[in-house]
């Protein structure tokens, strides 16, 4: 899958004199913690995992995605992944943290 960053999308949109979809402009802030809201077993990611939002991207079909850094609870880096933008949401004050073991096999 080929993704373009939001900056690249804005640059192309300006050059082509087109408007970006409104959803591209109404995003969570970069570098904040977000919660993943669905399972991605092939990536060893579960709903409720917390990640740091690094960037927004768009693939050739126009699907919006986000680049996320995943860490353990102790702050050890695990991976960088690209997931659909609708698979993240902001942390809420009412959210509670829990711990699960990282499956490495």
PDB file of N, CA and C in Angstrom:
ATOM      1  N   UNK A   1       0.833  -1.169   0.000  1.00  0.00           N
ATOM      2  CA  UNK A   1       0.000   0.000   0.000  1.00  0.00           C
ATOM      3  C   UNK A   1       0.883   1.239   0.000  1.00  0.00           C
ATOM      4  N   UNK A   2       0.561   2.182  -0.826  1.00  0.00           N
ATOM      5  CA  UNK A   2       1.328   3.421  -0.906  1.00  0.00           C
ATOM      6  C   UNK A   2       0.524   4.532  -0.242  1.00  0.00           C
ATOM      7  N   UNK A   3       1.126   5.223   0.697  1.00  0.00           N
ATOM      8  CA  UNK A   3       0.452   6.301   1.400  1.00  0.00           C
ATOM      9  C   UNK A   3       1.190   7.608   1.173  1.00  0.00           C
ATOM     10  N   UNK A   4       0.439   8.690   1.123  1.00  0.00           N
ATOM     11  CA  UNK A   4       1.008  10.029   1.078  1.00  0.00           C
ATOM     12  C   UNK A   4       0.746  10.689   2.419  1.00  0.00           C
ATOM     13  N   UNK A   5       1.673  11.502   2.879  1.00  0.00           N
ATOM     14  CA  UNK A   5       1.435  12.224   4.126  1.00  0.00           C
ATOM     15  C   UNK A   5       0.413  13.312   3.896  1.00  0.00           C
ATOM     16  N   UNK A   6      -0.194  13.796   4.967  1.00  0.00           N
ATOM     17  CA  UNK A   6      -1.177  14.857   4.867  1.00  0.00           C
ATOM     18  C   UNK A   6      -0.566  16.106   4.243  1.00  0.00           C
ATOM     19  N   UNK A   7       0.688  16.396   4.552  1.00  0.00           N
ATOM     20  CA  UNK A   7       1.360  17.558   3.952  1.00  0.00           C
ATOM     21  C   UNK A   7       1.438  17.391   2.440  1.00  0.00           C
ATOM     22  N   UNK A   8       1.805  16.195   1.974  1.00  0.00           N
ATOM     23  CA  UNK A   8       1.873  15.941   0.539  1.00  0.00           C
ATOM     24  C   UNK A   8       0.496  16.078  -0.096  1.00  0.00           C
ATOM     25  N   UNK A   9      -0.531  15.592   0.566  1.00  0.00           N
ATOM     26  CA  UNK A   9      -1.898  15.707   0.041  1.00  0.00           C
ATOM     27  C   UNK A   9      -2.313  17.162  -0.075  1.00  0.00           C
ATOM     28  N   UNK A  10      -1.997  17.954   0.936  1.00  0.00           N
ATOM     29  CA  UNK A  10      -2.342  19.380   0.885  1.00  0.00           C
ATOM     30  C   UNK A  10      -1.604  20.063  -0.259  1.00  0.00           C
ATOM     31  N   UNK A  11      -0.322  19.743  -0.441  1.00  0.00           N
ATOM     32  CA  UNK A  11       0.474  20.338  -1.511  1.00  0.00           C
ATOM     33  C   UNK A  11      -0.107  19.992  -2.877  1.00  0.00           C
ATOM     34  N   UNK A  12      -0.450  18.737  -3.073  1.00  0.00           N
ATOM     35  CA  UNK A  12      -1.036  18.302  -4.339  1.00  0.00           C
ATOM     36  C   UNK A  12      -2.394  18.968  -4.556  1.00  0.00           C
ATOM     37  N   UNK A  13      -3.202  19.054  -3.506  1.00  0.00           N
ATOM     38  CA  UNK A  13      -4.525  19.675  -3.620  1.00  0.00           C
ATOM     39  C   UNK A  13      -4.415  21.141  -4.023  1.00  0.00           C
ATOM     40  N   UNK A  14      -3.467  21.862  -3.436  1.00  0.00           N
ATOM     41  CA  UNK A  14      -3.255  23.261  -3.790  1.00  0.00           C
ATOM     42  C   UNK A  14      -2.812  23.362  -5.246  1.00  0.00           C
ATOM     43  N   UNK A  15      -1.886  22.511  -5.644  1.00  0.00           N
ATOM     44  CA  UNK A  15      -1.364  22.530  -7.015  1.00  0.00           C
ATOM     45  C   UNK A  15      -2.467  22.238  -8.031  1.00  0.00           C
ATOM     46  N   UNK A  16      -3.363  21.315  -7.710  1.00  0.00           N
ATOM     47  CA  UNK A  16      -4.438  20.938  -8.626  1.00  0.00           C
ATOM     48  C   UNK A  16      -5.697  21.782  -8.437  1.00  0.00           C
ATOM     49  N   UNK A  17      -5.644  22.705  -7.465  1.00  0.00           N
ATOM     50  CA  UNK A  17      -6.776  23.577  -7.154  1.00  0.00           C
ATOM     51  C   UNK A  17      -8.034  22.774  -6.805  1.00  0.00           C
ATOM     52  N   UNK A  18      -7.867  21.785  -5.908  1.00  0.00           N
ATOM     53  CA  UNK A  18      -8.996  20.997  -5.422  1.00  0.00           C
ATOM     54  C   UNK A  18      -9.022  21.069  -3.901  1.00  0.00           C
ATOM     55  N   UNK A  19     -10.184  20.779  -3.338  1.00  0.00           N
ATOM     56  CA  UNK A  19     -10.316  20.789  -1.882  1.00  0.00           C
ATOM     57  C   UNK A  19     -10.145  19.390  -1.334  1.00  0.00           C
ATOM     58  N   UNK A  20      -9.496  19.291  -0.184  1.00  0.00           N
ATOM     59  CA  UNK A  20      -9.389  18.008   0.508  1.00  0.00           C
ATOM     60  C   UNK A  20     -10.707  17.699   1.192  1.00  0.00           C
ATOM     61  N   UNK A  21     -11.014  16.425   1.377  1.00  0.00           N
ATOM     62  CA  UNK A  21     -12.206  16.097   2.168  1.00  0.00           C
ATOM     63  C   UNK A  21     -12.089  16.708   3.553  1.00  0.00           C
ATOM     64  N   UNK A  22     -13.200  17.187   4.086  1.00  0.00           N
ATOM     65  CA  UNK A  22     -13.202  17.842   5.394  1.00  0.00           C
ATOM     66  C   UNK A  22     -12.628  16.946   6.480  1.00  0.00           C
ATOM     67  N   UNK A  23     -12.828  15.634   6.353  1.00  0.00           N
ATOM     68  CA  UNK A  23     -12.346  14.726   7.393  1.00  0.00           C
ATOM     69  C   UNK A  23     -10.829  14.762   7.510  1.00  0.00           C
ATOM     70  N   UNK A  24     -10.125  15.096   6.420  1.00  0.00           N
ATOM     71  CA  UNK A  24      -8.665  15.188   6.499  1.00  0.00           C
ATOM     72  C   UNK A  24      -8.225  16.366   7.349  1.00  0.00           C
ATOM     73  N   UNK A  25      -9.056  17.371   7.457  1.00  0.00           N
ATOM     74  CA  UNK A  25      -8.686  18.569   8.205  1.00  0.00           C
ATOM     75  C   UNK A  25      -9.098  18.482   9.673  1.00  0.00           C
ATOM     76  N   UNK A  26      -9.996  17.581  10.031  1.00  0.00           N
ATOM     77  CA  UNK A  26     -10.511  17.489  11.398  1.00  0.00           C
ATOM     78  C   UNK A  26      -9.920  16.267  12.076  1.00  0.00           C
ATOM     79  N   UNK A  27      -8.685  16.348  12.460  1.00  0.00           N
ATOM     80  CA  UNK A  27      -7.966  15.197  12.988  1.00  0.00           C
ATOM     81  C   UNK A  27      -7.516  15.427  14.415  1.00  0.00           C
ATOM     82  N   UNK A  28      -7.130  14.320  15.025  1.00  0.00           N
ATOM     83  CA  UNK A  28      -6.488  14.402  16.334  1.00  0.00           C
ATOM     84  C   UNK A  28      -5.116  15.022  16.148  1.00  0.00           C
ATOM     85  N   UNK A  29      -4.599  15.628  17.188  1.00  0.00           N
ATOM     86  CA  UNK A  29      -3.276  16.244  17.123  1.00  0.00           C
ATOM     87  C   UNK A  29      -2.193  15.190  17.003  1.00  0.00           C
ATOM     88  N   UNK A  30      -1.180  15.507  16.219  1.00  0.00           N
ATOM     89  CA  UNK A  30      -0.030  14.610  16.095  1.00  0.00           C
ATOM     90  C   UNK A  30       0.702  14.531  17.427  1.00  0.00           C
ATOM     91  N   UNK A  31       1.360  13.419  17.646  1.00  0.00           N
ATOM     92  CA  UNK A  31       2.220  13.158  18.803  1.00  0.00           C
ATOM     93  C   UNK A  31       1.449  13.030  20.119  1.00  0.00           C
ATOM     94  N   UNK A  32       0.147  12.815  20.038  1.00  0.00           N
ATOM     95  CA  UNK A  32      -0.612  12.562  21.250  1.00  0.00           C
ATOM     96  C   UNK A  32      -0.915  11.068  21.340  1.00  0.00           C
ATOM     97  N   UNK A  33      -1.190  10.620  22.560  1.00  0.00           N
ATOM     98  CA  UNK A  33      -1.572   9.231  22.752  1.00  0.00           C
ATOM     99  C   UNK A  33      -3.009   9.041  22.295  1.00  0.00           C
ATOM    100  N   UNK A  34      -3.234   7.940  21.598  1.00  0.00           N
ATOM    101  CA  UNK A  34      -4.564   7.579  21.122  1.00  0.00           C
ATOM    102  C   UNK A  34      -4.823   6.124  21.489  1.00  0.00           C
ATOM    103  N   UNK A  35      -6.094   5.731  21.450  1.00  0.00           N
ATOM    104  CA  UNK A  35      -6.451   4.344  21.713  1.00  0.00           C
ATOM    105  C   UNK A  35      -6.898   3.702  20.398  1.00  0.00           C
ATOM    106  N   UNK A  36      -6.435   2.489  20.177  1.00  0.00           N
ATOM    107  CA  UNK A  36      -6.838   1.730  18.993  1.00  0.00           C
ATOM    108  C   UNK A  36      -8.159   1.049  19.331  1.00  0.00           C
ATOM    109  N   UNK A  37      -9.155   1.173  18.434  1.00  0.00           N
ATOM    110  CA  UNK A  37     -10.501   0.710  18.771  1.00  0.00           C
ATOM    111  C   UNK A  37     -10.911  -0.605  18.104  1.00  0.00           C
ATOM    112  N   UNK A  38      -9.994  -1.307  17.456  1.00  0.00           N
ATOM    113  CA  UNK A  38     -10.320  -2.616  16.878  1.00  0.00           C
ATOM    114  C   UNK A  38      -9.066  -3.499  16.870  1.00  0.00           C
ATOM    115  N   UNK A  39      -9.269  -4.775  16.657  1.00  0.00           N
ATOM    116  CA  UNK A  39      -8.163  -5.742  16.686  1.00  0.00           C
ATOM    117  C   UNK A  39      -7.488  -5.866  15.323  1.00  0.00           C
ATOM    118  N   UNK A  40      -6.171  -6.019  15.358  1.00  0.00           N
ATOM    119  CA  UNK A  40      -5.359  -6.318  14.178  1.00  0.00           C
ATOM    120  C   UNK A  40      -4.436  -7.468  14.561  1.00  0.00           C
ATOM    121  N   UNK A  41      -4.966  -8.699  14.598  1.00  0.00           N
ATOM    122  CA  UNK A  41      -4.177  -9.837  15.085  1.00  0.00           C
ATOM    123  C   UNK A  41      -2.897 -10.076  14.289  1.00  0.00           C
ATOM    124  N   UNK A  42      -2.919  -9.779  13.001  1.00  0.00           N
ATOM    125  CA  UNK A  42      -1.718  -9.977  12.189  1.00  0.00           C
ATOM    126  C   UNK A  42      -0.585  -9.039  12.595  1.00  0.00           C
ATOM    127  N   UNK A  43      -0.929  -7.945  13.280  1.00  0.00           N
ATOM    128  CA  UNK A  43       0.063  -6.983  13.778  1.00  0.00           C
ATOM    129  C   UNK A  43       0.263  -7.103  15.284  1.00  0.00           C
ATOM    130  N   UNK A  44      -0.448  -8.050  15.918  1.00  0.00           N
ATOM    131  CA  UNK A  44      -0.401  -8.243  17.370  1.00  0.00           C
ATOM    132  C   UNK A  44      -0.882  -6.995  18.112  1.00  0.00           C
ATOM    133  N   UNK A  45      -1.931  -6.364  17.555  1.00  0.00           N
ATOM    134  CA  UNK A  45      -2.531  -5.173  18.140  1.00  0.00           C
ATOM    135  C   UNK A  45      -3.965  -5.510  18.517  1.00  0.00           C
ATOM    136  N   UNK A  46      -4.362  -5.120  19.730  1.00  0.00           N
ATOM    137  CA  UNK A  46      -5.712  -5.387  20.208  1.00  0.00           C
ATOM    138  C   UNK A  46      -6.437  -4.083  20.506  1.00  0.00           C
ATOM    139  N   UNK A  47      -7.754  -4.127  20.380  1.00  0.00           N
ATOM    140  CA  UNK A  47      -8.558  -2.974  20.759  1.00  0.00           C
ATOM    141  C   UNK A  47      -8.219  -2.595  22.193  1.00  0.00           C
ATOM    142  N   UNK A  48      -8.023  -1.318  22.423  1.00  0.00           N
ATOM    143  CA  UNK A  48      -7.652  -0.838  23.750  1.00  0.00           C
ATOM    144  C   UNK A  48      -6.168  -0.544  23.881  1.00  0.00           C
ATOM    145  N   UNK A  49      -5.361  -1.015  22.920  1.00  0.00           N
ATOM    146  CA  UNK A  49      -3.937  -0.680  22.956  1.00  0.00           C
ATOM    147  C   UNK A  49      -3.772   0.828  22.751  1.00  0.00           C
ATOM    148  N   UNK A  50      -2.761   1.371  23.383  1.00  0.00           N
ATOM    149  CA  UNK A  50      -2.483   2.798  23.278  1.00  0.00           C
ATOM    150  C   UNK A  50      -1.275   2.993  22.379  1.00  0.00           C
ATOM    151  N   UNK A  51      -1.336   4.015  21.530  1.00  0.00           N
ATOM    152  CA  UNK A  51      -0.255   4.306  20.591  1.00  0.00           C
ATOM    153  C   UNK A  51      -0.032   5.815  20.554  1.00  0.00           C
ATOM    154  N   UNK A  52       1.059   6.215  19.926  1.00  0.00           N
ATOM    155  CA  UNK A  52       1.336   7.635  19.728  1.00  0.00           C
ATOM    156  C   UNK A  52       1.157   7.944  18.248  1.00  0.00           C
ATOM    157  N   UNK A  53       0.281   8.900  17.965  1.00  0.00           N
ATOM    158  CA  UNK A  53      -0.026   9.289  16.595  1.00  0.00           C
ATOM    159  C   UNK A  53       1.125  10.101  16.018  1.00  0.00           C
ATOM    160  N   UNK A  54       1.720   9.608  14.940  1.00  0.00           N
ATOM    161  CA  UNK A  54       2.869  10.275  14.329  1.00  0.00           C
ATOM    162  C   UNK A  54       2.530  11.064  13.073  1.00  0.00           C
ATOM    163  N   UNK A  55       1.575  10.561  12.271  1.00  0.00           N
ATOM    164  CA  UNK A  55       1.269  11.239  11.010  1.00  0.00           C
ATOM    165  C   UNK A  55      -0.037  10.704  10.448  1.00  0.00           C
ATOM    166  N   UNK A  56      -0.596  11.445   9.519  1.00  0.00           N
ATOM    167  CA  UNK A  56      -1.741  11.000   8.739  1.00  0.00           C
ATOM    168  C   UNK A  56      -1.274  10.741   7.323  1.00  0.00           C
ATOM    169  N   UNK A  57      -1.859   9.747   6.685  1.00  0.00           N
ATOM    170  CA  UNK A  57      -1.507   9.392   5.311  1.00  0.00           C
ATOM    171  C   UNK A  57      -2.775   9.075   4.529  1.00  0.00           C
ATOM    172  N   UNK A  58      -2.655   9.085   3.199  1.00  0.00           N
ATOM    173  CA  UNK A  58      -3.755   8.736   2.317  1.00  0.00           C
ATOM    174  C   UNK A  58      -3.210   7.790   1.262  1.00  0.00           C
ATOM    175  N   UNK A  59      -3.910   6.672   1.013  1.00  0.00           N
ATOM    176  CA  UNK A  59      -3.427   5.762  -0.025  1.00  0.00           C
ATOM    177  C   UNK A  59      -3.999   6.186  -1.378  1.00  0.00           C
ATOM    178  N   UNK A  60      -3.623   5.472  -2.417  1.00  0.00           N
ATOM    179  CA  UNK A  60      -4.015   5.855  -3.779  1.00  0.00           C
ATOM    180  C   UNK A  60      -5.516   5.822  -3.998  1.00  0.00           C
ATOM    181  N   UNK A  61      -6.218   5.003  -3.236  1.00  0.00           N
ATOM    182  CA  UNK A  61      -7.677   4.922  -3.386  1.00  0.00           C
ATOM    183  C   UNK A  61      -8.394   6.022  -2.601  1.00  0.00           C
ATOM    184  N   UNK A  62      -7.632   6.806  -1.840  1.00  0.00           N
ATOM    185  CA  UNK A  62      -8.219   7.881  -1.049  1.00  0.00           C
ATOM    186  C   UNK A  62      -8.512   7.499   0.388  1.00  0.00           C
ATOM    187  N   UNK A  63      -8.221   6.240   0.761  1.00  0.00           N
ATOM    188  CA  UNK A  63      -8.456   5.821   2.143  1.00  0.00           C
ATOM    189  C   UNK A  63      -7.475   6.524   3.076  1.00  0.00           C
ATOM    190  N   UNK A  64      -8.013   7.075   4.150  1.00  0.00           N
ATOM    191  CA  UNK A  64      -7.185   7.770   5.122  1.00  0.00           C
ATOM    192  C   UNK A  64      -6.586   6.777   6.114  1.00  0.00           C
ATOM    193  N   UNK A  65      -5.339   6.999   6.459  1.00  0.00           N
ATOM    194  CA  UNK A  65      -4.669   6.161   7.435  1.00  0.00           C
ATOM    195  C   UNK A  65      -3.898   7.009   8.421  1.00  0.00           C
ATOM    196  N   UNK A  66      -3.322   6.346   9.411  1.00  0.00           N
ATOM    197  CA  UNK A  66      -2.508   7.044  10.390  1.00  0.00           C
ATOM    198  C   UNK A  66      -1.291   6.181  10.727  1.00  0.00           C
ATOM    199  N   UNK A  67      -0.194   6.856  10.949  1.00  0.00           N
ATOM    200  CA  UNK A  67       1.044   6.199  11.336  1.00  0.00           C
ATOM    201  C   UNK A  67       1.147   6.279  12.852  1.00  0.00           C
ATOM    202  N   UNK A  68       1.323   5.113  13.479  1.00  0.00           N
ATOM    203  CA  UNK A  68       1.325   5.031  14.933  1.00  0.00           C
ATOM    204  C   UNK A  68       2.589   4.361  15.438  1.00  0.00           C
ATOM    205  N   UNK A  69       3.112   4.846  16.553  1.00  0.00           N
ATOM    206  CA  UNK A  69       4.201   4.181  17.260  1.00  0.00           C
ATOM    207  C   UNK A  69       3.592   3.400  18.411  1.00  0.00           C
ATOM    208  N   UNK A  70       3.991   2.144  18.527  1.00  0.00           N
ATOM    209  CA  UNK A  70       3.489   1.273  19.583  1.00  0.00           C
ATOM    210  C   UNK A  70       4.623   1.022  20.578  1.00  0.00           C
ATOM    211  N   UNK A  71       4.318   1.130  21.876  1.00  0.00           N
ATOM    212  CA  UNK A  71       5.284   0.905  22.946  1.00  0.00           C
ATOM    213  C   UNK A  71       4.687  -0.054  23.963  1.00  0.00           C
ATOM    214  N   UNK A  72       5.547  -0.675  24.754  1.00  0.00           N
ATOM    215  CA  UNK A  72       5.060  -1.463  25.888  1.00  0.00           C
ATOM    216  C   UNK A  72       4.685  -0.493  27.015  1.00  0.00           C
ATOM    217  N   UNK A  73       4.055  -1.018  28.054  1.00  0.00           N
ATOM    218  CA  UNK A  73       3.691  -0.189  29.208  1.00  0.00           C
ATOM    219  C   UNK A  73       4.920   0.413  29.883  1.00  0.00           C
ATOM    220  N   UNK A  74       6.061  -0.254  29.738  1.00  0.00           N
ATOM    221  CA  UNK A  74       7.303   0.235  30.342  1.00  0.00           C
ATOM    222  C   UNK A  74       8.028   1.230  29.434  1.00  0.00           C
ATOM    223  N   UNK A  75       7.444   1.530  28.269  1.00  0.00           N
ATOM    224  CA  UNK A  75       8.035   2.514  27.380  1.00  0.00           C
ATOM    225  C   UNK A  75       9.031   1.960  26.376  1.00  0.00           C
ATOM    226  N   UNK A  76       9.074   0.644  26.225  1.00  0.00           N
ATOM    227  CA  UNK A  76       9.985   0.028  25.255  1.00  0.00           C
ATOM    228  C   UNK A  76       9.316   0.035  23.884  1.00  0.00           C
ATOM    229  N   UNK A  77      10.033   0.535  22.883  1.00  0.00           N
ATOM    230  CA  UNK A  77       9.502   0.605  21.522  1.00  0.00           C
ATOM    231  C   UNK A  77       9.193  -0.794  20.995  1.00  0.00           C
ATOM    232  N   UNK A  78       8.023  -0.948  20.356  1.00  0.00           N
ATOM    233  CA  UNK A  78       7.615  -2.218  19.770  1.00  0.00           C
ATOM    234  C   UNK A  78       7.628  -2.130  18.254  1.00  0.00           C
ATOM    235  N   UNK A  79       6.891  -1.157  17.678  1.00  0.00           N
ATOM    236  CA  UNK A  79       6.821  -1.067  16.221  1.00  0.00           C
ATOM    237  C   UNK A  79       6.182   0.240  15.776  1.00  0.00           C
ATOM    238  N   UNK A  80       6.284   0.483  14.481  1.00  0.00           N
ATOM    239  CA  UNK A  80       5.547   1.558  13.818  1.00  0.00           C
ATOM    240  C   UNK A  80       4.594   0.870  12.855  1.00  0.00           C
ATOM    241  N   UNK A  81       3.322   1.256  12.901  1.00  0.00           N
ATOM    242  CA  UNK A  81       2.319   0.655  12.027  1.00  0.00           C
ATOM    243  C   UNK A  81       1.494   1.744  11.356  1.00  0.00           C
ATOM    244  N   UNK A  82       0.892   1.387  10.240  1.00  0.00           N
ATOM    245  CA  UNK A  82      -0.061   2.261   9.561  1.00  0.00           C
ATOM    246  C   UNK A  82      -1.409   1.566   9.599  1.00  0.00           C
ATOM    247  N   UNK A  83      -2.407   2.237  10.182  1.00  0.00           N
ATOM    248  CA  UNK A  83      -3.743   1.688  10.325  1.00  0.00           C
ATOM    249  C   UNK A  83      -4.762   2.648   9.725  1.00  0.00           C
ATOM    250  N   UNK A  84      -5.960   2.155   9.400  1.00  0.00           N
ATOM    251  CA  UNK A  84      -7.011   3.060   8.938  1.00  0.00           C
ATOM    252  C   UNK A  84      -7.296   4.130   9.989  1.00  0.00           C
ATOM    253  N   UNK A  85      -7.558   5.348   9.532  1.00  0.00           N
ATOM    254  CA  UNK A  85      -7.774   6.467  10.461  1.00  0.00           C
ATOM    255  C   UNK A  85      -8.959   6.232  11.386  1.00  0.00           C
ATOM    256  N   UNK A  86      -9.964   5.502  10.928  1.00  0.00           N
ATOM    257  CA  UNK A  86     -11.132   5.274  11.780  1.00  0.00           C
ATOM    258  C   UNK A  86     -10.852   4.270  12.893  1.00  0.00           C
ATOM    259  N   UNK A  87      -9.662   3.690  12.915  1.00  0.00           N
ATOM    260  CA  UNK A  87      -9.330   2.700  13.944  1.00  0.00           C
ATOM    261  C   UNK A  87      -8.702   3.323  15.188  1.00  0.00           C
ATOM    262  N   UNK A  88      -8.639   4.659  15.248  1.00  0.00           N
ATOM    263  CA  UNK A  88      -8.111   5.316  16.452  1.00  0.00           C
ATOM    264  C   UNK A  88      -9.124   6.324  16.968  1.00  0.00           C
ATOM    265  N   UNK A  89      -8.998   6.607  18.250  1.00  0.00           N
ATOM    266  CA  UNK A  89      -9.826   7.638  18.866  1.00  0.00           C
ATOM    267  C   UNK A  89      -9.048   8.251  20.023  1.00  0.00           C
ATOM    268  N   UNK A  90      -9.458   9.427  20.464  1.00  0.00           N
ATOM    269  CA  UNK A  90      -8.729  10.061  21.573  1.00  0.00           C
ATOM    270  C   UNK A  90      -8.961   9.310  22.876  1.00  0.00           C
ATOM    271  N   UNK A  91      -7.992   9.397  23.759  1.00  0.00           N
ATOM    272  CA  UNK A  91      -8.188   8.873  25.107  1.00  0.00           C
ATOM    273  C   UNK A  91      -9.199   9.755  25.824  1.00  0.00           C
ATOM    274  N   UNK A  92     -10.043   9.130  26.620  1.00  0.00           N
ATOM    275  CA  UNK A  92     -11.053   9.855  27.380  1.00  0.00           C
ATOM    276  C   UNK A  92     -10.699   9.827  28.865  1.00  0.00           C
ATOM    277  N   UNK A  93     -11.159  10.813  29.598  1.00  0.00           N
ATOM    278  CA  UNK A  93     -10.894  10.847  31.041  1.00  0.00           C
ATOM    279  C   UNK A  93     -11.445   9.628  31.748  1.00  0.00           C
ATOM    280  N   UNK A  94     -12.488   9.024  31.187  1.00  0.00           N
ATOM    281  CA  UNK A  94     -13.110   7.862  31.819  1.00  0.00           C
ATOM    282  C   UNK A  94     -12.423   6.542  31.441  1.00  0.00           C
ATOM    283  N   UNK A  95     -11.422   6.579  30.539  1.00  0.00           N
ATOM    284  CA  UNK A  95     -10.712   5.356  30.140  1.00  0.00           C
ATOM    285  C   UNK A  95      -9.853   4.840  31.290  1.00  0.00           C
ATOM    286  N   UNK A  96      -9.797   3.512  31.419  1.00  0.00           N
ATOM    287  CA  UNK A  96      -8.955   2.873  32.426  1.00  0.00           C
ATOM    288  C   UNK A  96      -7.909   2.038  31.708  1.00  0.00           C
ATOM    289  N   UNK A  97      -6.712   2.022  32.243  1.00  0.00           N
ATOM    290  CA  UNK A  97      -5.644   1.240  31.645  1.00  0.00           C
ATOM    291  C   UNK A  97      -5.665  -0.191  32.157  1.00  0.00           C
ATOM    292  N   UNK A  98      -5.227  -1.121  31.314  1.00  0.00           N
ATOM    293  CA  UNK A  98      -5.044  -2.503  31.731  1.00  0.00           C
ATOM    294  C   UNK A  98      -3.766  -3.010  31.078  1.00  0.00           C
ATOM    295  N   UNK A  99      -3.318  -4.169  31.486  1.00  0.00           N
ATOM    296  CA  UNK A  99      -2.056  -4.724  30.979  1.00  0.00           C
ATOM    297  C   UNK A  99      -2.328  -6.064  30.340  1.00  0.00           C
ATOM    298  N   UNK A 100      -1.716  -6.316  29.184  1.00  0.00           N
ATOM    299  CA  UNK A 100      -1.736  -7.626  28.547  1.00  0.00           C
ATOM    300  C   UNK A 100      -0.333  -7.906  28.067  1.00  0.00           C
ATOM    301  N   UNK A 101       0.021  -9.139  27.975  1.00  0.00           N
ATOM    302  CA  UNK A 101       1.367  -9.516  27.555  1.00  0.00           C
ATOM    303  C   UNK A 101       1.494  -9.434  26.043  1.00  0.00           C
ATOM    304  N   UNK A 102       2.628  -8.958  25.579  1.00  0.00           N
ATOM    305  CA  UNK A 102       2.941  -8.918  24.152  1.00  0.00           C
ATOM    306  C   UNK A 102       3.299 -10.312  23.708  1.00  0.00           C
ATOM    307  N   UNK A 103       2.583 -10.824  22.728  1.00  0.00           N
ATOM    308  CA  UNK A 103       2.866 -12.145  22.195  1.00  0.00           C
ATOM    309  C   UNK A 103       3.956 -11.999  21.134  1.00  0.00           C
ATOM    310  N   UNK A 104       5.098 -12.615  21.366  1.00  0.00           N
ATOM    311  CA  UNK A 104       6.227 -12.447  20.448  1.00  0.00           C
ATOM    312  C   UNK A 104       6.392 -13.601  19.488  1.00  0.00           C
ATOM    313  N   UNK A 105       5.713 -14.720  19.693  1.00  0.00           N
ATOM    314  CA  UNK A 105       5.877 -15.866  18.808  1.00  0.00           C
ATOM    315  C   UNK A 105       4.871 -15.858  17.687  1.00  0.00           C
TER     316      UNK A 105
END
